PDB file of N, CA and C in Angstrom:
ATOM      1  N   UNK A   1     102.140 118.963  91.331  1.00  0.00           N
ATOM      2  CA  UNK A   1     101.227 118.041  91.961  1.00  0.00           C
ATOM      3  C   UNK A   1      99.879 118.733  92.120  1.00  0.00           C
ATOM      4  N   UNK A   2      98.831 118.057  91.730  1.00  0.00           N
ATOM      5  CA  UNK A   2      97.496 118.623  91.856  1.00  0.00           C
ATOM      6  C   UNK A   2      96.955 118.349  93.258  1.00  0.00           C
ATOM      7  N   UNK A   3      95.875 119.015  93.593  1.00  0.00           N
ATOM      8  CA  UNK A   3      95.247 118.827  94.893  1.00  0.00           C
ATOM      9  C   UNK A   3      94.768 117.388  95.056  1.00  0.00           C
ATOM     10  N   UNK A   4      94.261 116.798  93.989  1.00  0.00           N
ATOM     11  CA  UNK A   4      93.777 115.411  94.043  1.00  0.00           C
ATOM     12  C   UNK A   4      94.936 114.470  94.344  1.00  0.00           C
ATOM     13  N   UNK A   5      96.079 114.674  93.702  1.00  0.00           N
ATOM     14  CA  UNK A   5      97.262 113.862  93.996  1.00  0.00           C
ATOM     15  C   UNK A   5      97.683 114.040  95.443  1.00  0.00           C
ATOM     16  N   UNK A   6      97.714 115.283  95.895  1.00  0.00           N
ATOM     17  CA  UNK A   6      98.127 115.576  97.258  1.00  0.00           C
ATOM     18  C   UNK A   6      97.260 114.887  98.288  1.00  0.00           C
ATOM     19  N   UNK A   7      95.962 114.878  98.051  1.00  0.00           N
ATOM     20  CA  UNK A   7      95.055 114.192  98.988  1.00  0.00           C
ATOM     21  C   UNK A   7      95.306 112.700  99.003  1.00  0.00           C
ATOM     22  N   UNK A   8      95.495 112.098  97.825  1.00  0.00           N
ATOM     23  CA  UNK A   8      95.763 110.664  97.761  1.00  0.00           C
ATOM     24  C   UNK A   8      97.066 110.339  98.476  1.00  0.00           C
ATOM     25  N   UNK A   9      98.111 111.121  98.229  1.00  0.00           N
ATOM     26  CA  UNK A   9      99.400 110.882  98.884  1.00  0.00           C
ATOM     27  C   UNK A   9      99.295 111.067 100.391  1.00  0.00           C
ATOM     28  N   UNK A  10      98.501 112.028 100.829  1.00  0.00           N
ATOM     29  CA  UNK A  10      98.309 112.241 102.261  1.00  0.00           C
ATOM     30  C   UNK A  10      97.591 111.050 102.897  1.00  0.00           C
ATOM     31  N   UNK A  11      96.544 110.558 102.241  1.00  0.00           N
ATOM     32  CA  UNK A  11      95.824 109.378 102.745  1.00  0.00           C
ATOM     33  C   UNK A  11      96.757 108.172 102.800  1.00  0.00           C
ATOM     34  N   UNK A  12      97.541 107.957 101.753  1.00  0.00           N
ATOM     35  CA  UNK A  12      98.488 106.842 101.749  1.00  0.00           C
ATOM     36  C   UNK A  12      99.511 106.979 102.872  1.00  0.00           C
ATOM     37  N   UNK A  13     100.046 108.180 103.054  1.00  0.00           N
ATOM     38  CA  UNK A  13     101.054 108.400 104.078  1.00  0.00           C
ATOM     39  C   UNK A  13     100.490 108.165 105.480  1.00  0.00           C
ATOM     40  N   UNK A  14      99.336 108.749 105.772  1.00  0.00           N
ATOM     41  CA  UNK A  14      98.742 108.605 107.105  1.00  0.00           C
ATOM     42  C   UNK A  14      98.384 107.140 107.368  1.00  0.00           C
ATOM     43  N   UNK A  15      97.796 106.476 106.393  1.00  0.00           N
ATOM     44  CA  UNK A  15      97.446 105.062 106.559  1.00  0.00           C
ATOM     45  C   UNK A  15      98.687 104.222 106.777  1.00  0.00           C
ATOM     46  N   UNK A  16      99.737 104.486 106.003  1.00  0.00           N
ATOM     47  CA  UNK A  16     100.980 103.734 106.140  1.00  0.00           C
ATOM     48  C   UNK A  16     101.599 103.957 107.520  1.00  0.00           C
ATOM     49  N   UNK A  17     101.600 105.196 107.985  1.00  0.00           N
ATOM     50  CA  UNK A  17     102.178 105.495 109.296  1.00  0.00           C
ATOM     51  C   UNK A  17     101.368 104.852 110.417  1.00  0.00           C
ATOM     52  N   UNK A  18     100.049 104.889 110.314  1.00  0.00           N
ATOM     53  CA  UNK A  18      99.217 104.240 111.326  1.00  0.00           C
ATOM     54  C   UNK A  18      99.381 102.728 111.302  1.00  0.00           C
ATOM     55  N   UNK A  19      99.456 102.161 110.107  1.00  0.00           N
ATOM     56  CA  UNK A  19      99.626 100.710 109.993  1.00  0.00           C
ATOM     57  C   UNK A  19     100.971 100.277 110.556  1.00  0.00           C
ATOM     58  N   UNK A  20     101.974 101.110 110.432  1.00  0.00           N
ATOM     59  CA  UNK A  20     103.295 100.771 110.945  1.00  0.00           C
ATOM     60  C   UNK A  20     103.404 100.883 112.450  1.00  0.00           C
ATOM     61  N   UNK A  21     102.475 101.569 113.079  1.00  0.00           N
ATOM     62  CA  UNK A  21     102.515 101.762 114.533  1.00  0.00           C
ATOM     63  C   UNK A  21     101.638 100.725 115.219  1.00  0.00           C
ATOM     64  N   UNK A  22     102.009  99.457 115.099  1.00  0.00           N
ATOM     65  CA  UNK A  22     101.164  98.395 115.651  1.00  0.00           C
ATOM     66  C   UNK A  22     101.057  98.453 117.167  1.00  0.00           C
ATOM     67  N   UNK A  23     102.056  98.991 117.844  1.00  0.00           N
ATOM     68  CA  UNK A  23     101.955  99.113 119.301  1.00  0.00           C
ATOM     69  C   UNK A  23     100.926 100.167 119.689  1.00  0.00           C
ATOM     70  N   UNK A  24     100.712 101.156 118.840  1.00  0.00           N
ATOM     71  CA  UNK A  24      99.729 102.207 119.108  1.00  0.00           C
ATOM     72  C   UNK A  24      98.331 101.771 118.682  1.00  0.00           C
ATOM     73  N   UNK A  25      98.230 101.165 117.524  1.00  0.00           N
ATOM     74  CA  UNK A  25      96.912 100.812 116.981  1.00  0.00           C
ATOM     75  C   UNK A  25      96.427  99.449 117.436  1.00  0.00           C
ATOM     76  N   UNK A  26      97.315  98.578 117.840  1.00  0.00           N
ATOM     77  CA  UNK A  26      96.938  97.204 118.167  1.00  0.00           C
ATOM     78  C   UNK A  26      97.041  96.341 116.919  1.00  0.00           C
ATOM     79  N   UNK A  27      97.227  95.058 117.113  1.00  0.00           N
ATOM     80  CA  UNK A  27      97.437  94.143 115.988  1.00  0.00           C
ATOM     81  C   UNK A  27      96.233  94.071 115.044  1.00  0.00           C
ATOM     82  N   UNK A  28      94.990  93.953 115.521  1.00  0.00           N
ATOM     83  CA  UNK A  28      93.869  93.883 114.557  1.00  0.00           C
ATOM     84  C   UNK A  28      93.786  95.111 113.644  1.00  0.00           C
ATOM     85  N   UNK A  29      93.893  96.315 114.227  1.00  0.00           N
ATOM     86  CA  UNK A  29      93.827  97.523 113.389  1.00  0.00           C
ATOM     87  C   UNK A  29      95.044  97.619 112.489  1.00  0.00           C
ATOM     88  N   UNK A  30      96.190  97.208 112.971  1.00  0.00           N
ATOM     89  CA  UNK A  30      97.415  97.177 112.165  1.00  0.00           C
ATOM     90  C   UNK A  30      97.215  96.315 110.922  1.00  0.00           C
ATOM     91  N   UNK A  31      96.634  95.139 111.103  1.00  0.00           N
ATOM     92  CA  UNK A  31      96.416  94.237 109.964  1.00  0.00           C
ATOM     93  C   UNK A  31      95.367  94.777 109.008  1.00  0.00           C
ATOM     94  N   UNK A  32      94.289  95.352 109.541  1.00  0.00           N
ATOM     95  CA  UNK A  32      93.257  95.910 108.659  1.00  0.00           C
ATOM     96  C   UNK A  32      93.781  97.115 107.880  1.00  0.00           C
ATOM     97  N   UNK A  33      94.530  97.982 108.530  1.00  0.00           N
ATOM     98  CA  UNK A  33      95.100  99.133 107.821  1.00  0.00           C
ATOM     99  C   UNK A  33      96.096  98.679 106.761  1.00  0.00           C
ATOM    100  N   UNK A  34      96.858  97.630 107.067  1.00  0.00           N
ATOM    101  CA  UNK A  34      97.790  97.079 106.077  1.00  0.00           C
ATOM    102  C   UNK A  34      97.070  96.573 104.846  1.00  0.00           C
ATOM    103  N   UNK A  35      95.894  95.984 105.047  1.00  0.00           N
ATOM    104  CA  UNK A  35      95.101  95.504 103.910  1.00  0.00           C
ATOM    105  C   UNK A  35      94.436  96.675 103.184  1.00  0.00           C
ATOM    106  N   UNK A  36      93.915  97.619 103.942  1.00  0.00           N
ATOM    107  CA  UNK A  36      93.196  98.757 103.360  1.00  0.00           C
ATOM    108  C   UNK A  36      94.122  99.620 102.504  1.00  0.00           C
ATOM    109  N   UNK A  37      95.388  99.695 102.847  1.00  0.00           N
ATOM    110  CA  UNK A  37      96.307 100.563 102.102  1.00  0.00           C
ATOM    111  C   UNK A  37      96.510 100.072 100.669  1.00  0.00           C
ATOM    112  N   UNK A  38      96.254  98.807 100.399  1.00  0.00           N
ATOM    113  CA  UNK A  38      96.450  98.304  99.042  1.00  0.00           C
ATOM    114  C   UNK A  38      95.405  98.815  98.056  1.00  0.00           C
ATOM    115  N   UNK A  39      94.219  99.188  98.521  1.00  0.00           N
ATOM    116  CA  UNK A  39      93.205  99.747  97.610  1.00  0.00           C
ATOM    117  C   UNK A  39      93.663 101.077  97.014  1.00  0.00           C
ATOM    118  N   UNK A  40      94.083 102.063  97.829  1.00  0.00           N
ATOM    119  CA  UNK A  40      94.563 103.303  97.211  1.00  0.00           C
ATOM    120  C   UNK A  40      95.853 103.114  96.413  1.00  0.00           C
ATOM    121  N   UNK A  41      96.706 102.184  96.826  1.00  0.00           N
ATOM    122  CA  UNK A  41      97.918 101.932  96.050  1.00  0.00           C
ATOM    123  C   UNK A  41      97.571 101.380  94.668  1.00  0.00           C
ATOM    124  N   UNK A  42      96.624 100.448  94.617  1.00  0.00           N
ATOM    125  CA  UNK A  42      96.175  99.894  93.338  1.00  0.00           C
ATOM    126  C   UNK A  42      95.541 100.990  92.490  1.00  0.00           C
ATOM    127  N   UNK A  43      94.700 101.818  93.114  1.00  0.00           N
ATOM    128  CA  UNK A  43      94.069 102.926  92.414  1.00  0.00           C
ATOM    129  C   UNK A  43      95.125 103.880  91.864  1.00  0.00           C
ATOM    130  N   UNK A  44      96.148 104.145  92.648  1.00  0.00           N
ATOM    131  CA  UNK A  44      97.218 105.049  92.238  1.00  0.00           C
ATOM    132  C   UNK A  44      97.954 104.522  91.005  1.00  0.00           C
ATOM    133  N   UNK A  45      98.257 103.230  90.980  1.00  0.00           N
ATOM    134  CA  UNK A  45      98.957 102.640  89.829  1.00  0.00           C
ATOM    135  C   UNK A  45      98.077 102.713  88.579  1.00  0.00           C
ATOM    136  N   UNK A  46      96.806 102.391  88.715  1.00  0.00           N
ATOM    137  CA  UNK A  46      95.883 102.479  87.568  1.00  0.00           C
ATOM    138  C   UNK A  46      95.762 103.921  87.100  1.00  0.00           C
ATOM    139  N   UNK A  47      95.656 104.846  88.034  1.00  0.00           N
ATOM    140  CA  UNK A  47      95.505 106.268  87.738  1.00  0.00           C
ATOM    141  C   UNK A  47      96.722 106.803  86.991  1.00  0.00           C
ATOM    142  N   UNK A  48      97.904 106.298  87.319  1.00  0.00           N
ATOM    143  CA  UNK A  48      99.156 106.760  86.725  1.00  0.00           C
ATOM    144  C   UNK A  48      99.716 105.806  85.673  1.00  0.00           C
ATOM    145  N   UNK A  49      98.881 104.937  85.141  1.00  0.00           N
ATOM    146  CA  UNK A  49      99.360 103.909  84.220  1.00  0.00           C
ATOM    147  C   UNK A  49     100.035 104.495  82.977  1.00  0.00           C
ATOM    148  N   UNK A  50      99.511 105.589  82.437  1.00  0.00           N
ATOM    149  CA  UNK A  50     100.129 106.208  81.254  1.00  0.00           C
ATOM    150  C   UNK A  50     101.558 106.641  81.560  1.00  0.00           C
ATOM    151  N   UNK A  51     101.786 107.186  82.751  1.00  0.00           N
ATOM    152  CA  UNK A  51     103.135 107.583  83.158  1.00  0.00           C
ATOM    153  C   UNK A  51     104.031 106.362  83.255  1.00  0.00           C
ATOM    154  N   UNK A  52     103.516 105.283  83.842  1.00  0.00           N
ATOM    155  CA  UNK A  52     104.297 104.052  83.988  1.00  0.00           C
ATOM    156  C   UNK A  52     104.728 103.538  82.622  1.00  0.00           C
ATOM    157  N   UNK A  53     103.798 103.471  81.692  1.00  0.00           N
ATOM    158  CA  UNK A  53     104.110 102.984  80.345  1.00  0.00           C
ATOM    159  C   UNK A  53     105.115 103.909  79.663  1.00  0.00           C
ATOM    160  N   UNK A  54     104.903 105.208  79.756  1.00  0.00           N
ATOM    161  CA  UNK A  54     105.787 106.168  79.106  1.00  0.00           C
ATOM    162  C   UNK A  54     107.210 106.111  79.675  1.00  0.00           C
ATOM    163  N   UNK A  55     107.340 105.996  80.965  1.00  0.00           N
ATOM    164  CA  UNK A  55     108.658 106.022  81.593  1.00  0.00           C
ATOM    165  C   UNK A  55     109.420 104.721  81.370  1.00  0.00           C
ATOM    166  N   UNK A  56     108.718 103.607  81.329  1.00  0.00           N
ATOM    167  CA  UNK A  56     109.400 102.325  81.163  1.00  0.00           C
ATOM    168  C   UNK A  56     109.555 101.901  79.707  1.00  0.00           C
ATOM    169  N   UNK A  57     108.975 102.666  78.787  1.00  0.00           N
ATOM    170  CA  UNK A  57     109.144 102.374  77.372  1.00  0.00           C
ATOM    171  C   UNK A  57     110.551 102.779  76.943  1.00  0.00           C
ATOM    172  N   UNK A  58     111.259 101.897  76.232  1.00  0.00           N
ATOM    173  CA  UNK A  58     112.605 102.276  75.781  1.00  0.00           C
ATOM    174  C   UNK A  58     112.543 103.516  74.887  1.00  0.00           C
ATOM    175  N   UNK A  59     113.501 104.403  75.094  1.00  0.00           N
ATOM    176  CA  UNK A  59     113.515 105.647  74.344  1.00  0.00           C
ATOM    177  C   UNK A  59     114.958 106.091  74.115  1.00  0.00           C
ATOM    178  N   UNK A  60     115.167 106.759  72.999  1.00  0.00           N
ATOM    179  CA  UNK A  60     116.486 107.328  72.716  1.00  0.00           C
ATOM    180  C   UNK A  60     116.677 108.678  73.390  1.00  0.00           C
ATOM    181  N   UNK A  61     115.565 109.281  73.826  1.00  0.00           N
ATOM    182  CA  UNK A  61     115.644 110.587  74.495  1.00  0.00           C
ATOM    183  C   UNK A  61     116.137 110.430  75.918  1.00  0.00           C
ATOM    184  N   UNK A  62     116.914 111.386  76.348  1.00  0.00           N
ATOM    185  CA  UNK A  62     117.376 111.397  77.735  1.00  0.00           C
ATOM    186  C   UNK A  62     116.267 111.981  78.601  1.00  0.00           C
ATOM    187  N   UNK A  63     115.932 111.264  79.655  1.00  0.00           N
ATOM    188  CA  UNK A  63     114.890 111.730  80.567  1.00  0.00           C
ATOM    189  C   UNK A  63     115.527 112.577  81.669  1.00  0.00           C
ATOM    190  N   UNK A  64     114.734 113.501  82.229  1.00  0.00           N
ATOM    191  CA  UNK A  64     115.253 114.304  83.349  1.00  0.00           C
ATOM    192  C   UNK A  64     115.629 113.402  84.529  1.00  0.00           C
ATOM    193  N   UNK A  65     116.588 113.846  85.315  1.00  0.00           N
ATOM    194  CA  UNK A  65     117.040 113.061  86.457  1.00  0.00           C
ATOM    195  C   UNK A  65     115.934 112.755  87.448  1.00  0.00           C
ATOM    196  N   UNK A  66     115.009 113.701  87.622  1.00  0.00           N
ATOM    197  CA  UNK A  66     113.898 113.497  88.547  1.00  0.00           C
ATOM    198  C   UNK A  66     113.003 112.355  88.065  1.00  0.00           C
ATOM    199  N   UNK A  67     112.752 112.278  86.767  1.00  0.00           N
ATOM    200  CA  UNK A  67     111.929 111.209  86.213  1.00  0.00           C
ATOM    201  C   UNK A  67     112.618 109.862  86.359  1.00  0.00           C
ATOM    202  N   UNK A  68     113.916 109.832  86.096  1.00  0.00           N
ATOM    203  CA  UNK A  68     114.668 108.585  86.235  1.00  0.00           C
ATOM    204  C   UNK A  68     114.672 108.123  87.687  1.00  0.00           C
ATOM    205  N   UNK A  69     114.886 109.057  88.611  1.00  0.00           N
ATOM    206  CA  UNK A  69     114.853 108.706  90.024  1.00  0.00           C
ATOM    207  C   UNK A  69     113.478 108.186  90.413  1.00  0.00           C
ATOM    208  N   UNK A  70     112.418 108.878  89.988  1.00  0.00           N
ATOM    209  CA  UNK A  70     111.045 108.472  90.316  1.00  0.00           C
ATOM    210  C   UNK A  70     110.743 107.086  89.762  1.00  0.00           C
ATOM    211  N   UNK A  71     111.226 106.806  88.563  1.00  0.00           N
ATOM    212  CA  UNK A  71     111.017 105.497  87.946  1.00  0.00           C
ATOM    213  C   UNK A  71     111.593 104.388  88.823  1.00  0.00           C
ATOM    214  N   UNK A  72     112.865 104.512  89.202  1.00  0.00           N
ATOM    215  CA  UNK A  72     113.513 103.459  89.983  1.00  0.00           C
ATOM    216  C   UNK A  72     113.015 103.423  91.419  1.00  0.00           C
ATOM    217  N   UNK A  73     112.690 104.577  91.976  1.00  0.00           N
ATOM    218  CA  UNK A  73     112.157 104.616  93.330  1.00  0.00           C
ATOM    219  C   UNK A  73     110.799 103.932  93.395  1.00  0.00           C
ATOM    220  N   UNK A  74     109.923 104.225  92.433  1.00  0.00           N
ATOM    221  CA  UNK A  74     108.605 103.600  92.410  1.00  0.00           C
ATOM    222  C   UNK A  74     108.692 102.107  92.148  1.00  0.00           C
ATOM    223  N   UNK A  75     109.621 101.701  91.293  1.00  0.00           N
ATOM    224  CA  UNK A  75     109.816 100.273  91.052  1.00  0.00           C
ATOM    225  C   UNK A  75     110.287  99.569  92.329  1.00  0.00           C
ATOM    226  N   UNK A  76     111.207 100.200  93.050  1.00  0.00           N
ATOM    227  CA  UNK A  76     111.688  99.629  94.316  1.00  0.00           C
ATOM    228  C   UNK A  76     110.559  99.552  95.348  1.00  0.00           C
ATOM    229  N   UNK A  77     109.730 100.597  95.428  1.00  0.00           N
ATOM    230  CA  UNK A  77     108.588 100.562  96.348  1.00  0.00           C
ATOM    231  C   UNK A  77     107.624  99.444  95.996  1.00  0.00           C
ATOM    232  N   UNK A  78     107.351  99.281  94.717  1.00  0.00           N
ATOM    233  CA  UNK A  78     106.422  98.243  94.275  1.00  0.00           C
ATOM    234  C   UNK A  78     106.917  96.858  94.672  1.00  0.00           C
ATOM    235  N   UNK A  79     108.201  96.582  94.364  1.00  0.00           N
ATOM    236  CA  UNK A  79     108.738  95.261  94.669  1.00  0.00           C
ATOM    237  C   UNK A  79     109.055  95.076  96.149  1.00  0.00           C
ATOM    238  N   UNK A  80     109.053  96.144  96.922  1.00  0.00           N
ATOM    239  CA  UNK A  80     109.187  96.035  98.375  1.00  0.00           C
ATOM    240  C   UNK A  80     107.834  95.736  99.008  1.00  0.00           C
ATOM    241  N   UNK A  81     106.789  96.398  98.504  1.00  0.00           N
ATOM    242  CA  UNK A  81     105.460  96.225  99.094  1.00  0.00           C
ATOM    243  C   UNK A  81     104.846  94.856  98.789  1.00  0.00           C
ATOM    244  N   UNK A  82     105.198  94.254  97.666  1.00  0.00           N
ATOM    245  CA  UNK A  82     104.635  92.931  97.349  1.00  0.00           C
ATOM    246  C   UNK A  82     104.959  91.883  98.406  1.00  0.00           C
ATOM    247  N   UNK A  83     106.233  91.658  98.741  1.00  0.00           N
ATOM    248  CA  UNK A  83     106.492  90.644  99.766  1.00  0.00           C
ATOM    249  C   UNK A  83     106.034  91.067 101.160  1.00  0.00           C
ATOM    250  N   UNK A  84     106.039  92.366 101.444  1.00  0.00           N
ATOM    251  CA  UNK A  84     105.552  92.820 102.752  1.00  0.00           C
ATOM    252  C   UNK A  84     104.069  92.499 102.892  1.00  0.00           C
ATOM    253  N   UNK A  85     103.300  92.833 101.874  1.00  0.00           N
ATOM    254  CA  UNK A  85     101.866  92.538 101.907  1.00  0.00           C
ATOM    255  C   UNK A  85     101.585  91.047 101.906  1.00  0.00           C
ATOM    256  N   UNK A  86     102.324  90.304 101.089  1.00  0.00           N
ATOM    257  CA  UNK A  86     102.124  88.844 101.035  1.00  0.00           C
ATOM    258  C   UNK A  86     102.463  88.171 102.345  1.00  0.00           C
ATOM    259  N   UNK A  87     103.595  88.533 102.927  1.00  0.00           N
ATOM    260  CA  UNK A  87     103.968  87.917 104.205  1.00  0.00           C
ATOM    261  C   UNK A  87     103.025  88.363 105.319  1.00  0.00           C
ATOM    262  N   UNK A  88     102.555  89.622 105.238  1.00  0.00           N
ATOM    263  CA  UNK A  88     101.592  90.100 106.231  1.00  0.00           C
ATOM    264  C   UNK A  88     100.303  89.298 106.195  1.00  0.00           C
ATOM    265  N   UNK A  89      99.843  88.977 104.989  1.00  0.00           N
ATOM    266  CA  UNK A  89      98.640  88.144 104.877  1.00  0.00           C
ATOM    267  C   UNK A  89      98.896  86.725 105.385  1.00  0.00           C
ATOM    268  N   UNK A  90     100.081  86.202 105.112  1.00  0.00           N
ATOM    269  CA  UNK A  90     100.373  84.828 105.524  1.00  0.00           C
ATOM    270  C   UNK A  90     100.466  84.679 107.038  1.00  0.00           C
ATOM    271  N   UNK A  91     100.972  85.693 107.747  1.00  0.00           N
ATOM    272  CA  UNK A  91     101.113  85.561 109.195  1.00  0.00           C
ATOM    273  C   UNK A  91      99.981  86.222 109.956  1.00  0.00           C
ATOM    274  N   UNK A  92      98.979  86.725 109.252  1.00  0.00           N
ATOM    275  CA  UNK A  92      97.871  87.433 109.890  1.00  0.00           C
ATOM    276  C   UNK A  92      97.158  86.527 110.879  1.00  0.00           C
ATOM    277  N   UNK A  93      96.948  87.051 112.066  1.00  0.00           N
ATOM    278  CA  UNK A  93      96.203  86.319 113.078  1.00  0.00           C
ATOM    279  C   UNK A  93      94.822  86.905 113.294  1.00  0.00           C
ATOM    280  N   UNK A  94      94.671  88.201 113.096  1.00  0.00           N
ATOM    281  CA  UNK A  94      93.392  88.861 113.322  1.00  0.00           C
ATOM    282  C   UNK A  94      92.575  89.003 112.047  1.00  0.00           C
ATOM    283  N   UNK A  95      93.237  89.220 110.934  1.00  0.00           N
ATOM    284  CA  UNK A  95      92.540  89.463 109.666  1.00  0.00           C
ATOM    285  C   UNK A  95      92.085  88.163 109.026  1.00  0.00           C
ATOM    286  N   UNK A  96      92.994  87.234 108.918  1.00  0.00           N
ATOM    287  CA  UNK A  96      92.688  85.937 108.298  1.00  0.00           C
ATOM    288  C   UNK A  96      93.099  84.808 109.234  1.00  0.00           C
ATOM    289  N   UNK A  97      92.364  84.598 110.312  1.00  0.00           N
ATOM    290  CA  UNK A  97      92.791  83.606 111.303  1.00  0.00           C
ATOM    291  C   UNK A  97      92.792  82.184 110.762  1.00  0.00           C
ATOM    292  N   UNK A  98      92.045  81.900 109.719  1.00  0.00           N
ATOM    293  CA  UNK A  98      92.021  80.540 109.178  1.00  0.00           C
ATOM    294  C   UNK A  98      93.314  80.185 108.477  1.00  0.00           C
ATOM    295  N   UNK A  99      94.082  81.197 108.031  1.00  0.00           N
ATOM    296  CA  UNK A  99      95.336  80.917 107.337  1.00  0.00           C
ATOM    297  C   UNK A  99      96.483  80.624 108.295  1.00  0.00           C
ATOM    298  N   UNK A 100      96.356  81.048 109.565  1.00  0.00           N
ATOM    299  CA  UNK A 100      97.485  80.828 110.467  1.00  0.00           C
ATOM    300  C   UNK A 100      97.368  79.532 111.223  1.00  0.00           C
TER     301      UNK A 100
END
């Protein structure tokens, strides 16, 4: 892992932890942090797009166990974050009050 990756992962982790602590941050900050976290996540996917294509491309070669685990773990995270973010936007009271 490079220093640039480490910084991005640290920012994502801290933002995610703060966004999850709605009792500490309050609902408005919780909703804004939840929205803000999608920018670095989107940047991360674009930044790692070559890896995504390479790992999900069918291959006859056996991949290392760590790569296979990372592939399925990242896919699970992606499909977990989509409905969380979508439902968060739909029930938002502070961020998008016109939608509620």
